[in-house]
């Protein structure tokens, strides 16, 4: 995904029902709500999987909670200083953005690249409204902060970790799977990074992929995961929002039965989601995409009155992506090797391709992955 601007940064679930009435673009905002302890107001807009996806949207929500001094269980200022609206279908994206803009929030946060077109249109109609869009770097407007991530770098570590674990387990001819949500350049970055990481350890490993075309179809993904595990797949990495929880659910069932299979989490640390007894989890590791960091960056920019339209890229060096080491099955030796790989990526000794077009030029990279269909 081509980036024309880049900056490295170091360091009320509501449902809309019925017909909403929206004011004309640019009308005077409604400031009837309290700005809360921070002095500003914010609304998060998500897709149908909402903040209960335990992954991407949940990470964005954590950023808001941290900024306002709340946590997942204690949301003192929710409804008066900040809130969230979940779109039950994609045709609600535009009215949700425009309603929030009419209501005059200090910052509107759109979670995910599927918001790009409607966000750009709204931002032009409401030039004084400030917005963040996550996973997009193409909305070049002075009132829009674009936050993108080096998902391919974090996914490389997840792939290498899974392969190192298979090697340590003595698995002969291990097979790995990738499950994507809605196809697009961002999800392709997850896939090609993961594949490169696996192949860096096991050059002859077999890798399969599948796209569910939804962020909220965990049942379909659970079926796919079962099919793959039954066919001998060792580990499955899902970058599919709430859909990916189907992989974790199936991996939990099979590990309870004593089968040596793994799920790899995404965006948030999903170790707890994979727990199947007091001390074990079916989630070997998770690729951490620190969406909360981007959200905090935008909120603090508004608070400090230095918000501007720009592209902020959070990569491995900026600690914008990484991996979880919560599972003790990821042994000290494996973690040491992953840290060495991480430093090589940061230093430039290892370059990770971020698109299928780049990756397919690499020796041994599979040419038949469905990622090719997204470009």
Protein backbone atom coordinates (compact mmCIF):
# COMPACT_ATOMS: atom_id res chain seq x y z
CA UNK A 1 0.00 0.00 0.00
CA UNK A 2 1.71 3.18 -1.19
CA UNK A 3 2.21 5.85 1.43
CA UNK A 4 2.50 9.45 0.26
CA UNK A 5 3.05 10.80 3.75
CA UNK A 6 4.64 9.16 6.73
CA UNK A 7 5.45 10.00 10.29
CA UNK A 8 6.84 7.51 12.72
CA UNK A 9 5.41 7.86 16.19
CA UNK A 10 7.73 6.65 18.95
CA UNK A 11 6.30 5.74 21.99
CA UNK A 12 -22.41 3.69 25.44
CA UNK A 13 -22.43 0.90 22.91
CA UNK A 14 -25.27 2.60 20.96
CA UNK A 15 -27.45 1.10 18.25
CA UNK A 16 -29.19 3.26 15.65
CA UNK A 17 -32.76 2.14 15.12
CA UNK A 18 -35.53 3.60 13.03
CA UNK A 19 -35.02 6.76 11.01
CA UNK A 20 -32.60 9.36 12.33
CA UNK A 21 -32.92 13.02 11.41
CA UNK A 22 -29.70 14.71 10.41
CA UNK A 23 -29.07 18.43 10.16
CA UNK A 24 -27.58 20.03 7.12
CA UNK A 25 -23.80 19.71 6.79
CA UNK A 26 -21.93 22.44 8.59
CA UNK A 27 -24.72 23.42 10.97
CA UNK A 28 -23.80 24.69 14.45
CA UNK A 29 -22.81 21.75 16.66
CA UNK A 30 -24.86 20.66 19.65
CA UNK A 31 -22.76 21.06 22.80
CA UNK A 32 -25.36 19.81 25.28
CA UNK A 33 -23.14 17.00 26.60
CA UNK A 34 -20.44 17.45 29.18
CA UNK A 35 -16.86 17.39 27.99
CA UNK A 36 -15.91 15.28 30.99
CA UNK A 37 -12.67 15.41 32.94
CA UNK A 38 -10.49 15.86 29.84
CA UNK A 39 -12.33 18.87 28.44
CA UNK A 40 -13.18 17.22 25.13
CA UNK A 41 -15.70 14.77 23.65
CA UNK A 42 -15.20 11.81 21.33
CA UNK A 43 -17.26 9.19 19.50
CA UNK A 44 -16.01 5.88 18.13
CA UNK A 45 -17.73 4.47 15.05
CA UNK A 46 -17.33 0.75 14.33
CA UNK A 47 -18.53 -1.94 11.96
CA UNK A 48 -21.09 -4.56 12.96
CA UNK A 49 -18.70 -6.54 15.16
CA UNK A 50 -18.51 -3.63 17.61
CA UNK A 51 -16.21 -3.27 20.58
CA UNK A 52 -17.10 -6.79 21.66
CA UNK A 53 -14.94 -8.26 18.89
CA UNK A 54 -12.09 -8.70 21.42
CA UNK A 55 -9.71 -7.63 18.68
CA UNK A 56 -9.48 -4.53 16.46
CA UNK A 57 -12.46 -2.46 17.65
CA UNK A 58 -11.77 -3.45 21.25
CA UNK A 59 -8.26 -2.01 20.90
CA UNK A 60 -9.63 1.32 19.63
CA UNK A 61 -12.06 1.40 22.56
CA UNK A 62 -9.21 0.76 25.00
CA UNK A 63 -7.46 3.84 23.68
CA UNK A 64 -10.50 5.97 24.46
CA UNK A 65 -10.90 4.43 27.90
CA UNK A 66 -7.25 5.08 28.72
CA UNK A 67 -7.46 8.70 27.62
CA UNK A 68 -10.48 9.34 29.84
CA UNK A 69 -9.04 7.46 32.80
CA UNK A 70 -11.64 4.70 32.63
CA UNK A 71 -11.31 0.98 32.06
CA UNK A 72 -13.36 -1.80 30.50
CA UNK A 73 -15.44 -2.35 33.64
CA UNK A 74 -15.62 1.22 34.92
CA UNK A 75 -16.79 3.68 32.29
CA UNK A 76 -17.62 6.72 34.40
CA UNK A 77 -17.72 9.21 31.56
CA UNK A 78 -19.35 7.06 28.91
CA UNK A 79 -22.40 8.79 27.45
CA UNK A 80 -21.38 12.27 28.50
CA UNK A 81 -17.80 12.64 27.29
CA UNK A 82 -17.33 9.68 24.97
CA UNK A 83 -19.41 6.94 23.41
CA UNK A 84 -19.51 4.42 20.58
CA UNK A 85 -21.94 3.68 17.75
CA UNK A 86 -21.92 0.30 16.03
CA UNK A 87 -23.19 0.13 12.45
CA UNK A 88 -25.33 -2.97 12.04
CA UNK A 89 -24.72 -2.83 8.28
CA UNK A 90 -22.36 -0.93 6.04
CA UNK A 91 -25.12 1.32 4.70
CA UNK A 92 -25.26 2.89 8.17
CA UNK A 93 -21.68 4.17 7.95
CA UNK A 94 -22.59 7.44 6.25
CA UNK A 95 -25.57 8.41 8.44
CA UNK A 96 -23.59 7.47 11.55
CA UNK A 97 -20.71 9.73 10.58
CA UNK A 98 -23.00 12.60 9.65
CA UNK A 99 -25.03 12.34 12.84
CA UNK A 100 -21.87 12.42 14.92
CA UNK A 101 -20.63 15.41 12.91
CA UNK A 102 -23.91 17.25 13.47
CA UNK A 103 -23.69 16.59 17.20
CA UNK A 104 -20.35 18.37 17.40
CA UNK A 105 -17.91 15.91 18.96
CA UNK A 106 -14.40 17.23 19.30
CA UNK A 107 -13.10 14.06 17.64
CA UNK A 108 -14.79 11.32 15.62
CA UNK A 109 -12.86 8.05 15.31
CA UNK A 110 -13.66 5.66 12.46
CA UNK A 111 -12.31 2.16 12.98
CA UNK A 112 -11.27 0.44 9.76
CA UNK A 113 -10.56 0.92 6.08
CA UNK A 114 -14.16 0.16 5.07
CA UNK A 115 -15.07 3.65 6.35
CA UNK A 116 -12.72 5.42 3.93
CA UNK A 117 -15.11 6.62 1.22
CA UNK A 118 -17.90 7.83 3.49
CA UNK A 119 -15.41 9.43 5.87
CA UNK A 120 -13.75 11.38 3.08
CA UNK A 121 -17.12 12.67 1.82
CA UNK A 122 -18.24 13.70 5.30
CA UNK A 123 -14.90 15.37 6.09
CA UNK A 124 -15.30 17.57 3.02
CA UNK A 125 -18.82 18.56 4.09
CA UNK A 126 -17.75 19.25 7.70
CA UNK A 127 -14.37 20.96 7.31
CA UNK A 128 -14.25 22.13 10.96
CA UNK A 129 -14.89 18.64 12.34
CA UNK A 130 -11.83 16.60 13.32
CA UNK A 131 -11.66 12.91 12.40
CA UNK A 132 -9.36 9.90 12.74
CA UNK A 133 -9.48 6.96 10.37
CA UNK A 134 -7.59 3.80 11.25
CA UNK A 135 -5.94 1.68 8.54
CA UNK A 136 -6.14 4.28 5.78
CA UNK A 137 -3.46 6.64 4.49
CA UNK A 138 -5.28 8.12 1.50
CA UNK A 139 -7.71 10.68 2.97
CA UNK A 140 -5.57 13.75 2.42
CA UNK A 141 -7.64 16.41 4.14
CA UNK A 142 -6.57 18.92 6.82
CA UNK A 143 -9.21 17.69 9.27
CA UNK A 144 -8.42 13.96 8.99
CA UNK A 145 -5.69 12.08 10.83
CA UNK A 146 -4.78 8.85 9.02
CA UNK A 147 -3.27 6.14 11.23
CA UNK A 148 -1.71 3.09 9.60
CA UNK A 149 0.37 0.19 10.89
CA UNK A 150 3.14 -2.08 9.70
CA UNK A 151 0.97 -5.19 10.10
CA UNK A 152 3.35 -7.16 7.88
CA UNK A 153 6.19 -6.71 10.38
CA UNK A 154 4.17 -7.89 13.38
CA UNK A 155 2.70 -10.75 11.34
CA UNK A 156 6.20 -11.86 10.34
CA UNK A 157 6.99 -12.38 14.02
CA UNK A 158 3.71 -14.28 14.54
CA UNK A 159 4.54 -16.55 11.61
CA UNK A 160 8.09 -17.13 12.76
CA UNK A 161 6.85 -17.89 16.27
CA UNK A 162 4.38 -20.49 15.01
CA UNK A 163 7.05 -22.10 12.84
CA UNK A 164 9.61 -22.16 15.64
CA UNK A 165 7.05 -23.86 17.88
CA UNK A 166 6.29 -26.47 15.20
CA UNK A 167 10.01 -27.09 14.83
CA UNK A 168 10.47 -27.42 18.59
CA UNK A 169 7.55 -29.87 18.70
CA UNK A 170 9.19 -31.97 16.00
CA UNK A 171 6.20 -31.69 13.68
CA UNK A 172 6.99 -33.23 10.32
CA UNK A 173 5.75 -31.33 7.27
CA UNK A 174 3.73 -28.77 9.25
CA UNK A 175 0.88 -26.95 7.54
CA UNK A 176 -0.18 -23.43 8.45
CA UNK A 177 -3.36 -21.53 7.65
CA UNK A 178 -4.33 -17.89 7.26
CA UNK A 179 -7.96 -16.70 7.51
CA UNK A 180 -8.79 -13.19 6.35
CA UNK A 181 -11.93 -11.12 6.89
CA UNK A 182 -12.79 -8.64 4.14
CA UNK A 183 -10.12 -8.68 1.41
CA UNK A 184 -8.06 -5.56 0.89
CA UNK A 185 -4.49 -4.25 1.01
CA UNK A 186 -4.46 -4.07 4.82
CA UNK A 187 -5.43 -7.72 5.30
CA UNK A 188 -2.99 -8.69 2.58
CA UNK A 189 -0.24 -7.16 4.73
CA UNK A 190 -1.21 -9.50 7.57
CA UNK A 191 -1.10 -12.51 5.27
CA UNK A 192 2.10 -11.87 3.36
CA UNK A 193 3.95 -10.95 6.55
CA UNK A 194 2.79 -14.15 8.26
CA UNK A 195 3.78 -16.29 5.29
CA UNK A 196 7.24 -14.73 5.13
CA UNK A 197 7.72 -15.33 8.85
CA UNK A 198 6.77 -19.01 8.58
CA UNK A 199 9.02 -19.54 5.55
CA UNK A 200 11.97 -17.83 7.23
CA UNK A 201 12.06 -20.76 9.67
CA UNK A 202 10.56 -23.56 7.59
CA UNK A 203 11.18 -22.79 3.90
CA UNK A 204 9.22 -25.84 2.71
CA UNK A 205 6.17 -25.36 4.92
CA UNK A 206 2.75 -25.63 3.28
CA UNK A 207 0.49 -22.61 3.75
CA UNK A 208 -3.25 -22.35 3.05
CA UNK A 209 -5.52 -19.31 3.03
CA UNK A 210 -9.26 -18.54 3.14
CA UNK A 211 -11.29 -15.32 3.14
CA UNK A 212 -14.66 -15.22 4.92
CA UNK A 213 -15.63 -11.80 3.43
CA UNK A 214 -17.00 -10.58 6.75
CA UNK A 215 -15.80 -9.28 10.10
CA UNK A 216 -18.64 -10.98 11.98
CA UNK A 217 -18.99 -14.61 10.83
CA UNK A 218 -17.25 -16.57 13.57
CA UNK A 219 -19.44 -19.62 12.90
CA UNK A 220 -18.20 -19.95 9.32
CA UNK A 221 -14.62 -19.52 10.42
CA UNK A 222 -15.03 -22.17 13.12
CA UNK A 223 -16.17 -24.62 10.43
CA UNK A 224 -13.18 -23.72 8.25
CA UNK A 225 -10.79 -24.07 11.15
CA UNK A 226 -12.19 -27.51 12.00
CA UNK A 227 -11.76 -28.61 8.39
CA UNK A 228 -8.17 -27.47 8.34
CA UNK A 229 -7.23 -28.90 11.74
CA UNK A 230 -8.78 -32.22 10.73
CA UNK A 231 -6.63 -32.13 7.58
CA UNK A 232 -3.44 -31.67 9.61
CA UNK A 233 -3.04 -27.90 9.86
CA UNK A 234 -0.87 -27.08 12.88
CA UNK A 235 -1.57 -23.36 13.43
CA UNK A 236 -4.08 -20.87 12.02
CA UNK A 237 -3.63 -17.11 12.03
CA UNK A 238 -6.87 -15.15 11.58
CA UNK A 239 -7.03 -11.46 10.70
CA UNK A 240 -10.80 -11.26 10.49
CA UNK A 241 -12.18 -9.23 13.40
CA UNK A 242 -14.88 -11.07 15.34
CA UNK A 243 -14.91 -13.77 12.64
CA UNK A 244 -11.48 -14.87 13.78
CA UNK A 245 -12.83 -15.87 17.18
CA UNK A 246 -14.19 -18.96 15.43
CA UNK A 247 -10.61 -20.18 14.98
CA UNK A 248 -9.90 -19.71 18.68
CA UNK A 249 -13.11 -21.53 19.67
CA UNK A 250 -12.20 -24.56 17.54
CA UNK A 251 -8.60 -24.61 18.72
CA UNK A 252 -9.82 -24.61 22.35
CA UNK A 253 -12.07 -27.60 21.68
CA UNK A 254 -9.30 -29.57 20.05
CA UNK A 255 -6.64 -28.79 22.63
CA UNK A 256 -9.06 -29.94 25.32
CA UNK A 257 -9.15 -33.22 23.39
CA UNK A 258 -5.36 -33.37 23.44
CA UNK A 259 -4.75 -32.36 19.84
CA UNK A 260 -1.62 -30.33 19.16
CA UNK A 261 -3.12 -27.43 17.23
CA UNK A 262 -2.86 -23.69 17.75
CA UNK A 263 -4.68 -20.44 17.03
CA UNK A 264 -2.79 -17.19 16.61
CA UNK A 265 -4.58 -14.07 17.82
CA UNK A 266 -4.61 -10.66 16.19
CA UNK A 267 -4.71 -6.96 17.08
CA UNK A 268 -5.30 -7.50 20.81
CA UNK A 269 -3.64 -10.11 23.01
CA UNK A 270 -6.19 -12.93 22.76
CA UNK A 271 -4.52 -15.29 25.23
CA UNK A 272 -7.48 -15.10 27.64
CA UNK A 273 -9.95 -15.80 24.83
CA UNK A 274 -8.09 -19.01 24.15
CA UNK A 275 -7.90 -20.21 27.75
CA UNK A 276 -9.29 -23.74 28.10
CA UNK A 277 -8.19 -24.43 31.65
CA UNK A 278 -6.67 -22.52 34.53
CA UNK A 279 -3.19 -22.35 33.07
CA UNK A 280 -3.34 -23.11 29.35
CA UNK A 281 -4.55 -21.26 26.27
CA UNK A 282 -5.10 -22.37 22.68
CA UNK A 283 -3.70 -19.02 21.50
CA UNK A 284 0.02 -19.57 21.06
CA UNK A 285 0.71 -15.88 20.47
CA UNK A 286 -1.08 -12.82 19.11
CA UNK A 287 0.09 -10.23 16.63
CA UNK A 288 -0.35 -7.03 18.59
CA UNK A 289 -1.57 -4.09 16.55
CA UNK A 290 -1.69 -1.20 18.98
CA UNK A 291 -4.72 0.61 17.60
CA UNK A 292 -5.11 2.22 21.01
CA UNK A 293 -1.82 4.06 20.46
CA UNK A 294 -3.16 5.73 17.32
CA UNK A 295 -6.39 6.69 19.05
CA UNK A 296 -4.48 8.17 21.99
CA UNK A 297 -2.26 10.09 19.59
CA UNK A 298 -5.30 11.74 18.00
CA UNK A 299 -7.04 12.50 21.27
CA UNK A 300 -3.93 14.07 22.73
CA UNK A 301 -3.40 16.10 19.57
CA UNK A 302 -6.88 17.58 19.96
CA UNK A 303 -6.32 18.19 23.66
CA UNK A 304 -2.99 19.89 23.02
CA UNK A 305 -4.40 21.89 20.08
CA UNK A 306 -1.88 20.53 17.58
CA UNK A 307 -4.19 18.22 15.61
CA UNK A 308 -3.58 18.26 11.88
CA UNK A 309 -4.28 16.22 8.81
CA UNK A 310 -1.36 13.82 8.46
CA UNK A 311 -0.39 10.18 8.09
CA UNK A 312 1.04 8.50 11.18
CA UNK A 313 2.66 5.11 10.62
CA UNK A 314 3.12 2.83 13.60
CA UNK A 315 5.69 0.15 12.85
CA UNK A 316 7.81 -2.29 14.83
CA UNK A 317 10.40 0.36 15.66
CA UNK A 318 7.67 2.66 17.03
CA UNK A 319 6.22 -0.26 19.03
CA UNK A 320 3.04 0.05 16.98
CA UNK A 321 3.03 -3.70 16.30
CA UNK A 322 4.50 -6.68 18.09
CA UNK A 323 3.68 -10.10 19.49
CA UNK A 324 2.35 -11.51 22.74
CA UNK A 325 4.52 -13.75 24.92
CA UNK A 326 1.79 -14.50 27.49
CA UNK A 327 1.63 -18.21 26.64
CA UNK A 328 4.36 -20.21 28.34
CA UNK A 329 4.18 -22.65 25.42
CA UNK A 330 6.16 -19.96 23.64
CA UNK A 331 9.33 -20.99 25.42
CA UNK A 332 12.24 -18.81 26.39
CA UNK A 333 14.33 -20.13 23.54
CA UNK A 334 11.62 -19.26 21.01
CA UNK A 335 11.16 -15.81 22.50
CA UNK A 336 14.90 -15.18 22.34
CA UNK A 337 14.91 -16.08 18.67
CA UNK A 338 11.91 -13.86 18.01
CA UNK A 339 13.62 -10.94 19.72
CA UNK A 340 16.63 -11.42 17.49
CA UNK A 341 14.39 -11.43 14.43
CA UNK A 342 12.59 -8.33 15.71
CA UNK A 343 15.85 -6.43 16.04
CA UNK A 344 16.88 -7.44 12.53
CA UNK A 345 13.62 -6.04 11.15
CA UNK A 346 14.05 -2.81 13.11
CA UNK A 347 17.65 -2.41 11.94
CA UNK A 348 16.78 -3.15 8.33
CA UNK A 349 18.74 -6.41 8.14
CA UNK A 350 15.44 -8.13 7.39
CA UNK A 351 13.01 -6.41 5.04
CA UNK A 352 9.42 -7.60 5.11
CA UNK A 353 7.34 -7.26 1.94
CA UNK A 354 4.00 -5.55 2.53
CA UNK A 355 2.09 -6.55 -0.60
CA UNK A 356 1.54 -9.67 -2.64
CA UNK A 357 3.22 -8.01 -5.63
CA UNK A 358 6.40 -7.58 -3.59
CA UNK A 359 6.22 -10.91 -1.78
CA UNK A 360 5.67 -13.09 -4.84
CA UNK A 361 9.08 -12.01 -6.10
CA UNK A 362 10.71 -13.64 -3.09
CA UNK A 363 12.23 -17.11 -3.58
CA UNK A 364 9.85 -19.85 -2.45
CA UNK A 365 6.91 -17.56 -1.76
CA UNK A 366 3.65 -19.38 -2.68
CA UNK A 367 2.15 -18.06 -5.89
CA UNK A 368 -1.36 -19.40 -5.33
CA UNK A 369 -2.46 -17.55 -2.20
CA UNK A 370 -5.82 -15.76 -2.39
CA UNK A 371 -4.07 -12.56 -1.33
CA UNK A 372 -3.37 -12.20 -5.06
CA UNK A 373 -7.08 -11.67 -5.61
CA UNK A 374 -7.08 -8.55 -3.45
CA UNK A 375 -4.70 -6.50 -5.59
